[in-house]
């Protein structure tokens, strides 16, 4: 028997904000009990650990840390260390995904939409974690 990957965990200095970014970007749902509290209510999970899930069983988790140096990719000073690869079915959807990511606060790091074999965008999420969206 071999281990199965249960989830990908991203360190962050603001677990709730980063979870909300990815929840909206990918249309994910909080694990029961991790939902955001009502406005003005305490958010103990949002200061520690949150999990988002999708229908295919892959989860993203967010772990609160005190400090996190932002990746400088494509420069090599602080490597990306981990990134998410995501796909869309066609170039038109790629453009829509770009606009959606930017509206949520992502930063565009690389535009390779002119690549005939694998058009893609590379973004940084609000905490600086790189992620790719490509036609696949």
N, C-alpha and C. Protein backbone atom coordinates (compact mmCIF):
# COMPACT_ATOMS: atom_id res chain seq x y z
N UNK A 1 0.84 -1.18 0.00
CA UNK A 1 0.00 0.00 0.00
C UNK A 1 0.88 1.24 0.00
N UNK A 2 0.51 2.24 -0.81
CA UNK A 2 1.27 3.48 -0.91
C UNK A 2 0.44 4.64 -0.37
N UNK A 3 1.10 5.66 0.17
CA UNK A 3 0.36 6.83 0.64
C UNK A 3 -0.32 7.54 -0.53
N UNK A 4 -1.43 8.18 -0.25
CA UNK A 4 -2.14 9.01 -1.23
C UNK A 4 -2.00 10.47 -0.83
N UNK A 5 -1.90 11.33 -1.80
CA UNK A 5 -1.87 12.76 -1.50
C UNK A 5 -3.28 13.19 -1.09
N UNK A 6 -3.37 13.74 0.09
CA UNK A 6 -4.66 14.17 0.62
C UNK A 6 -4.95 15.62 0.27
N UNK A 7 -3.93 16.48 0.40
CA UNK A 7 -4.14 17.90 0.13
C UNK A 7 -2.80 18.58 -0.07
N UNK A 8 -2.87 19.75 -0.64
CA UNK A 8 -1.71 20.63 -0.77
C UNK A 8 -1.89 21.72 0.26
N UNK A 9 -0.83 21.99 1.03
CA UNK A 9 -0.91 22.97 2.11
C UNK A 9 -0.05 24.18 1.74
N UNK A 10 -0.63 25.36 1.84
CA UNK A 10 0.09 26.60 1.59
C UNK A 10 0.28 27.34 2.90
N UNK A 11 1.52 27.70 3.21
CA UNK A 11 1.77 28.58 4.34
C UNK A 11 1.34 29.99 3.96
N UNK A 12 0.88 30.74 4.95
CA UNK A 12 0.39 32.09 4.70
C UNK A 12 0.38 32.89 5.99
N UNK A 13 0.55 34.18 5.88
CA UNK A 13 0.44 35.04 7.05
C UNK A 13 -1.01 35.47 7.29
N UNK A 14 -1.94 35.08 6.41
CA UNK A 14 -3.36 35.38 6.59
C UNK A 14 -4.17 34.22 5.98
N UNK A 15 -4.41 33.19 6.79
CA UNK A 15 -5.07 31.98 6.30
C UNK A 15 -6.45 32.27 5.72
N UNK A 16 -7.24 33.07 6.39
CA UNK A 16 -8.60 33.35 5.90
C UNK A 16 -8.56 34.08 4.56
N UNK A 17 -7.72 35.09 4.43
CA UNK A 17 -7.68 35.86 3.18
C UNK A 17 -7.21 34.99 2.02
N UNK A 18 -6.20 34.16 2.23
CA UNK A 18 -5.71 33.32 1.14
C UNK A 18 -6.72 32.23 0.80
N UNK A 19 -7.36 31.66 1.81
CA UNK A 19 -8.41 30.66 1.55
C UNK A 19 -9.55 31.28 0.74
N UNK A 20 -9.93 32.49 1.09
CA UNK A 20 -11.00 33.17 0.35
C UNK A 20 -10.59 33.42 -1.11
N UNK A 21 -9.34 33.81 -1.33
CA UNK A 21 -8.85 34.02 -2.69
C UNK A 21 -9.04 32.73 -3.51
N UNK A 22 -8.54 31.60 -3.00
CA UNK A 22 -8.64 30.34 -3.74
C UNK A 22 -10.07 29.80 -3.79
N UNK A 23 -10.86 30.04 -2.76
CA UNK A 23 -12.26 29.61 -2.79
C UNK A 23 -12.97 30.26 -3.96
N UNK A 24 -12.76 31.56 -4.13
CA UNK A 24 -13.41 32.28 -5.21
C UNK A 24 -12.77 31.96 -6.57
N UNK A 25 -11.46 31.81 -6.60
CA UNK A 25 -10.78 31.53 -7.86
C UNK A 25 -11.22 30.20 -8.46
N UNK A 26 -11.31 29.16 -7.63
CA UNK A 26 -11.60 27.81 -8.12
C UNK A 26 -13.02 27.33 -7.83
N UNK A 27 -13.82 28.13 -7.12
CA UNK A 27 -15.17 27.70 -6.79
C UNK A 27 -15.19 26.54 -5.80
N UNK A 28 -14.29 26.57 -4.84
CA UNK A 28 -14.19 25.50 -3.84
C UNK A 28 -15.12 25.78 -2.66
N UNK A 29 -15.24 24.79 -1.80
CA UNK A 29 -16.07 24.91 -0.60
C UNK A 29 -15.24 24.63 0.64
N UNK A 30 -15.56 25.30 1.71
CA UNK A 30 -14.88 25.03 2.98
C UNK A 30 -15.25 23.65 3.52
N UNK A 31 -14.31 23.02 4.16
CA UNK A 31 -14.60 21.81 4.94
C UNK A 31 -15.58 22.24 6.04
N UNK A 32 -16.55 21.40 6.38
CA UNK A 32 -17.49 21.78 7.44
C UNK A 32 -16.76 22.22 8.70
N UNK A 33 -17.16 23.38 9.20
CA UNK A 33 -16.53 23.96 10.39
C UNK A 33 -15.50 25.02 10.08
N UNK A 34 -15.04 25.07 8.83
CA UNK A 34 -14.02 26.06 8.44
C UNK A 34 -14.61 27.29 7.77
N UNK A 35 -15.91 27.34 7.59
CA UNK A 35 -16.53 28.48 6.94
C UNK A 35 -16.21 29.76 7.71
N UNK A 36 -16.24 30.88 7.00
CA UNK A 36 -15.99 32.17 7.64
C UNK A 36 -17.12 32.48 8.63
N UNK A 37 -16.79 33.00 9.79
CA UNK A 37 -17.84 33.35 10.76
C UNK A 37 -18.59 34.60 10.31
N UNK A 38 -19.68 34.86 10.98
CA UNK A 38 -20.43 36.09 10.71
C UNK A 38 -19.55 37.30 11.00
N UNK A 39 -19.83 38.37 10.32
CA UNK A 39 -19.06 39.61 10.50
C UNK A 39 -19.00 40.00 11.97
N UNK A 40 -17.80 40.29 12.45
CA UNK A 40 -17.62 40.71 13.83
C UNK A 40 -17.42 39.57 14.81
N UNK A 41 -17.65 38.33 14.38
CA UNK A 41 -17.46 37.17 15.24
C UNK A 41 -16.00 36.72 15.22
N UNK A 42 -15.51 36.07 16.28
CA UNK A 42 -14.13 35.58 16.29
C UNK A 42 -13.92 34.51 15.21
N UNK A 43 -12.69 34.41 14.73
CA UNK A 43 -12.35 33.47 13.65
C UNK A 43 -11.12 32.65 14.05
N UNK A 44 -11.24 31.77 15.06
CA UNK A 44 -10.05 31.03 15.51
C UNK A 44 -9.44 30.16 14.42
N UNK A 45 -10.27 29.51 13.58
CA UNK A 45 -9.71 28.69 12.50
C UNK A 45 -8.95 29.54 11.49
N UNK A 46 -9.44 30.75 11.25
CA UNK A 46 -8.80 31.64 10.29
C UNK A 46 -7.44 32.13 10.75
N UNK A 47 -7.11 31.88 12.00
CA UNK A 47 -5.79 32.26 12.53
C UNK A 47 -4.89 31.04 12.68
N UNK A 48 -5.34 29.88 12.14
CA UNK A 48 -4.58 28.66 12.33
C UNK A 48 -4.55 27.80 11.07
N UNK A 49 -5.66 27.16 10.71
CA UNK A 49 -5.67 26.13 9.67
C UNK A 49 -7.05 26.08 9.03
N UNK A 50 -7.10 26.15 7.71
CA UNK A 50 -8.37 26.07 6.97
C UNK A 50 -8.21 25.10 5.82
N UNK A 51 -9.31 24.44 5.44
CA UNK A 51 -9.28 23.49 4.33
C UNK A 51 -10.41 23.81 3.36
N UNK A 52 -10.07 23.82 2.07
CA UNK A 52 -11.04 23.94 0.99
C UNK A 52 -11.06 22.63 0.22
N UNK A 53 -12.25 22.26 -0.28
CA UNK A 53 -12.40 21.01 -1.03
C UNK A 53 -13.11 21.26 -2.35
N UNK A 54 -12.89 20.33 -3.29
CA UNK A 54 -13.67 20.34 -4.52
C UNK A 54 -14.27 18.96 -4.75
N UNK A 55 -15.03 18.81 -5.80
CA UNK A 55 -15.76 17.57 -6.04
C UNK A 55 -14.87 16.39 -6.40
N UNK A 56 -13.65 16.62 -6.89
CA UNK A 56 -12.80 15.49 -7.28
C UNK A 56 -11.89 15.01 -6.16
N UNK A 57 -12.09 15.52 -4.95
CA UNK A 57 -11.37 15.00 -3.80
C UNK A 57 -10.07 15.70 -3.47
N UNK A 58 -9.65 16.64 -4.29
CA UNK A 58 -8.41 17.37 -4.00
C UNK A 58 -8.72 18.52 -3.06
N UNK A 59 -7.89 18.68 -2.05
CA UNK A 59 -8.10 19.76 -1.09
C UNK A 59 -6.91 20.71 -1.09
N UNK A 60 -7.19 21.96 -0.78
CA UNK A 60 -6.16 22.96 -0.51
C UNK A 60 -6.32 23.34 0.95
N UNK A 61 -5.21 23.36 1.67
CA UNK A 61 -5.24 23.77 3.06
C UNK A 61 -4.33 24.98 3.24
N UNK A 62 -4.61 25.75 4.28
CA UNK A 62 -3.91 27.00 4.53
C UNK A 62 -3.47 27.01 5.98
N UNK A 63 -2.18 27.14 6.19
CA UNK A 63 -1.59 27.10 7.53
C UNK A 63 -1.03 28.47 7.87
N UNK A 64 -1.48 29.02 8.97
CA UNK A 64 -1.02 30.33 9.41
C UNK A 64 0.42 30.25 9.91
N UNK A 65 1.26 31.18 9.43
CA UNK A 65 2.63 31.31 9.90
C UNK A 65 2.88 32.78 10.23
N UNK A 66 3.88 33.04 11.05
CA UNK A 66 4.18 34.42 11.44
C UNK A 66 4.83 35.21 10.32
N UNK A 67 5.72 34.57 9.59
CA UNK A 67 6.44 35.26 8.51
C UNK A 67 6.53 34.34 7.30
N UNK A 68 6.55 34.94 6.13
CA UNK A 68 6.68 34.16 4.90
C UNK A 68 7.35 35.04 3.85
N UNK A 69 8.59 34.73 3.49
CA UNK A 69 9.22 35.53 2.44
C UNK A 69 8.52 35.27 1.11
N UNK A 70 8.22 36.33 0.40
CA UNK A 70 7.52 36.24 -0.88
C UNK A 70 8.48 35.74 -1.95
N UNK A 71 8.02 34.79 -2.75
CA UNK A 71 8.82 34.28 -3.86
C UNK A 71 9.18 35.41 -4.81
N UNK A 72 10.39 35.38 -5.33
CA UNK A 72 10.82 36.38 -6.30
C UNK A 72 10.82 35.82 -7.72
N UNK A 73 10.22 34.63 -7.92
CA UNK A 73 10.19 34.02 -9.24
C UNK A 73 9.67 35.01 -10.26
N UNK A 74 10.25 35.14 -11.42
CA UNK A 74 11.23 34.28 -12.06
C UNK A 74 12.68 34.52 -11.64
N UNK A 75 12.93 35.50 -10.80
CA UNK A 75 14.28 35.67 -10.25
C UNK A 75 14.52 34.54 -9.25
N UNK A 76 15.77 34.21 -9.00
CA UNK A 76 16.07 33.04 -8.18
C UNK A 76 16.39 33.35 -6.72
N UNK A 77 16.30 34.61 -6.30
CA UNK A 77 16.64 34.95 -4.91
C UNK A 77 15.84 34.13 -3.90
N UNK A 78 14.52 34.11 -4.06
CA UNK A 78 13.65 33.29 -3.21
C UNK A 78 12.82 32.43 -4.16
N UNK A 79 13.12 31.13 -4.25
CA UNK A 79 12.43 30.27 -5.22
C UNK A 79 10.95 30.10 -4.90
N UNK A 80 10.23 29.63 -5.90
CA UNK A 80 8.79 29.43 -5.69
C UNK A 80 8.50 28.25 -4.77
N UNK A 81 9.35 27.28 -4.68
CA UNK A 81 9.27 26.15 -3.77
C UNK A 81 8.09 25.22 -4.07
N UNK A 82 6.99 25.72 -4.47
CA UNK A 82 5.82 24.94 -4.82
C UNK A 82 4.93 25.84 -5.64
N UNK A 83 4.27 25.27 -6.64
CA UNK A 83 3.25 26.05 -7.35
C UNK A 83 2.14 25.12 -7.80
N UNK A 84 0.99 25.67 -8.06
CA UNK A 84 -0.16 24.92 -8.52
C UNK A 84 -0.28 25.06 -10.03
N UNK A 85 -0.51 23.93 -10.72
CA UNK A 85 -0.82 23.94 -12.14
C UNK A 85 -2.30 23.70 -12.30
N UNK A 86 -2.98 24.57 -13.03
CA UNK A 86 -4.40 24.41 -13.28
C UNK A 86 -4.64 24.54 -14.78
N UNK A 87 -5.72 23.95 -15.26
CA UNK A 87 -6.00 23.97 -16.69
C UNK A 87 -7.40 24.49 -16.98
N UNK A 88 -7.52 25.01 -18.19
CA UNK A 88 -8.81 25.40 -18.77
C UNK A 88 -8.87 24.77 -20.16
N UNK A 89 -10.07 24.66 -20.74
CA UNK A 89 -10.19 23.92 -22.00
C UNK A 89 -9.72 24.64 -23.26
N UNK A 90 -9.69 25.99 -23.25
CA UNK A 90 -9.36 26.70 -24.48
C UNK A 90 -8.84 28.11 -24.17
N UNK A 91 -8.36 28.80 -25.21
CA UNK A 91 -7.75 30.12 -25.04
C UNK A 91 -8.77 31.15 -24.57
N UNK A 92 -10.00 31.07 -25.06
CA UNK A 92 -11.02 32.02 -24.61
C UNK A 92 -11.25 31.90 -23.10
N UNK A 93 -11.28 30.68 -22.61
CA UNK A 93 -11.46 30.46 -21.17
C UNK A 93 -10.22 30.90 -20.41
N UNK A 94 -9.05 30.76 -21.03
CA UNK A 94 -7.81 31.21 -20.41
C UNK A 94 -7.86 32.72 -20.16
N UNK A 95 -8.36 33.46 -21.11
CA UNK A 95 -8.49 34.91 -20.96
C UNK A 95 -9.47 35.24 -19.84
N UNK A 96 -10.57 34.52 -19.78
CA UNK A 96 -11.55 34.73 -18.71
C UNK A 96 -10.93 34.40 -17.35
N UNK A 97 -10.16 33.31 -17.28
CA UNK A 97 -9.50 32.93 -16.03
C UNK A 97 -8.49 34.00 -15.61
N UNK A 98 -7.78 34.57 -16.57
CA UNK A 98 -6.83 35.65 -16.26
C UNK A 98 -7.56 36.82 -15.62
N UNK A 99 -8.62 37.26 -16.25
CA UNK A 99 -9.37 38.41 -15.74
C UNK A 99 -9.92 38.13 -14.35
N UNK A 100 -10.41 36.93 -14.13
CA UNK A 100 -10.96 36.55 -12.82
C UNK A 100 -9.87 36.56 -11.75
N UNK A 101 -8.72 35.97 -12.07
CA UNK A 101 -7.61 35.92 -11.10
C UNK A 101 -7.14 37.33 -10.75
N UNK A 102 -7.00 38.17 -11.75
CA UNK A 102 -6.54 39.55 -11.48
C UNK A 102 -7.56 40.32 -10.65
N UNK A 103 -8.85 40.12 -10.93
CA UNK A 103 -9.89 40.81 -10.17
C UNK A 103 -9.89 40.39 -8.71
N UNK A 104 -9.46 39.15 -8.43
CA UNK A 104 -9.41 38.67 -7.05
C UNK A 104 -8.13 39.08 -6.32
N UNK A 105 -7.18 39.69 -7.04
CA UNK A 105 -5.97 40.17 -6.38
C UNK A 105 -4.70 39.45 -6.77
N UNK A 106 -4.76 38.55 -7.76
CA UNK A 106 -3.54 37.90 -8.24
C UNK A 106 -2.68 38.90 -8.98
N UNK A 107 -1.40 38.61 -9.08
CA UNK A 107 -0.45 39.41 -9.84
C UNK A 107 0.04 38.58 -11.01
N UNK A 108 0.01 39.14 -12.21
CA UNK A 108 0.49 38.44 -13.38
C UNK A 108 2.02 38.45 -13.39
N UNK A 109 2.63 37.25 -13.42
CA UNK A 109 4.08 37.12 -13.45
C UNK A 109 4.61 36.82 -14.84
N UNK A 110 3.84 36.09 -15.64
CA UNK A 110 4.30 35.68 -16.97
C UNK A 110 3.10 35.48 -17.87
N UNK A 111 3.19 36.05 -19.06
CA UNK A 111 2.16 35.86 -20.10
C UNK A 111 2.82 35.09 -21.23
N UNK A 112 2.42 33.83 -21.37
CA UNK A 112 2.95 33.01 -22.45
C UNK A 112 1.79 32.52 -23.32
N UNK A 113 0.84 33.41 -23.55
CA UNK A 113 -0.33 33.04 -24.33
C UNK A 113 -0.02 32.92 -25.81
N UNK A 114 1.15 33.42 -26.25
CA UNK A 114 1.51 33.29 -27.66
C UNK A 114 2.19 31.96 -27.98
N UNK A 115 2.38 31.10 -27.01
CA UNK A 115 2.98 29.79 -27.22
C UNK A 115 1.95 28.88 -27.89
N UNK A 116 2.19 28.44 -29.12
CA UNK A 116 1.18 27.64 -29.82
C UNK A 116 0.97 26.25 -29.21
N UNK A 117 1.98 25.73 -28.50
CA UNK A 117 1.87 24.39 -27.93
C UNK A 117 1.23 24.37 -26.55
N UNK A 118 1.49 25.41 -25.75
CA UNK A 118 0.97 25.44 -24.39
C UNK A 118 0.80 26.88 -23.92
N UNK A 119 -0.27 27.55 -24.37
CA UNK A 119 -0.49 28.91 -23.89
C UNK A 119 -0.79 28.90 -22.40
N UNK A 120 -0.20 29.86 -21.68
CA UNK A 120 -0.41 29.89 -20.23
C UNK A 120 -0.14 31.25 -19.65
N UNK A 121 -0.64 31.42 -18.44
CA UNK A 121 -0.32 32.55 -17.57
C UNK A 121 0.26 31.99 -16.28
N UNK A 122 1.22 32.72 -15.72
CA UNK A 122 1.71 32.43 -14.38
C UNK A 122 1.36 33.63 -13.52
N UNK A 123 0.74 33.37 -12.38
CA UNK A 123 0.33 34.41 -11.45
C UNK A 123 0.98 34.18 -10.10
N UNK A 124 0.94 35.19 -9.26
CA UNK A 124 1.21 35.04 -7.83
C UNK A 124 -0.09 35.33 -7.11
N UNK A 125 -0.42 34.49 -6.13
CA UNK A 125 -1.60 34.77 -5.33
C UNK A 125 -1.28 35.95 -4.41
N UNK A 126 -2.22 36.44 -3.61
CA UNK A 126 -1.95 37.61 -2.77
C UNK A 126 -0.81 37.44 -1.77
N UNK A 127 -0.42 36.21 -1.44
CA UNK A 127 0.71 35.96 -0.53
C UNK A 127 2.00 35.69 -1.28
N UNK A 128 1.94 35.67 -2.63
CA UNK A 128 3.14 35.48 -3.43
C UNK A 128 3.37 34.06 -3.93
N UNK A 129 2.49 33.10 -3.64
CA UNK A 129 2.64 31.74 -4.15
C UNK A 129 2.33 31.75 -5.65
N UNK A 130 3.24 31.28 -6.49
CA UNK A 130 2.95 31.21 -7.93
C UNK A 130 1.94 30.11 -8.24
N UNK A 131 1.13 30.35 -9.27
CA UNK A 131 0.27 29.32 -9.81
C UNK A 131 0.09 29.58 -11.30
N UNK A 132 -0.09 28.50 -12.05
CA UNK A 132 -0.21 28.56 -13.51
C UNK A 132 -1.63 28.21 -13.93
N UNK A 133 -2.08 28.88 -14.98
CA UNK A 133 -3.31 28.50 -15.65
C UNK A 133 -2.93 28.32 -17.11
N UNK A 134 -3.16 27.11 -17.63
CA UNK A 134 -2.81 26.86 -19.03
C UNK A 134 -3.89 26.05 -19.72
N UNK A 135 -3.83 26.08 -21.06
CA UNK A 135 -4.77 25.31 -21.85
C UNK A 135 -4.27 23.88 -21.88
N UNK A 136 -5.12 22.96 -21.42
CA UNK A 136 -4.68 21.57 -21.38
C UNK A 136 -5.83 20.62 -21.59
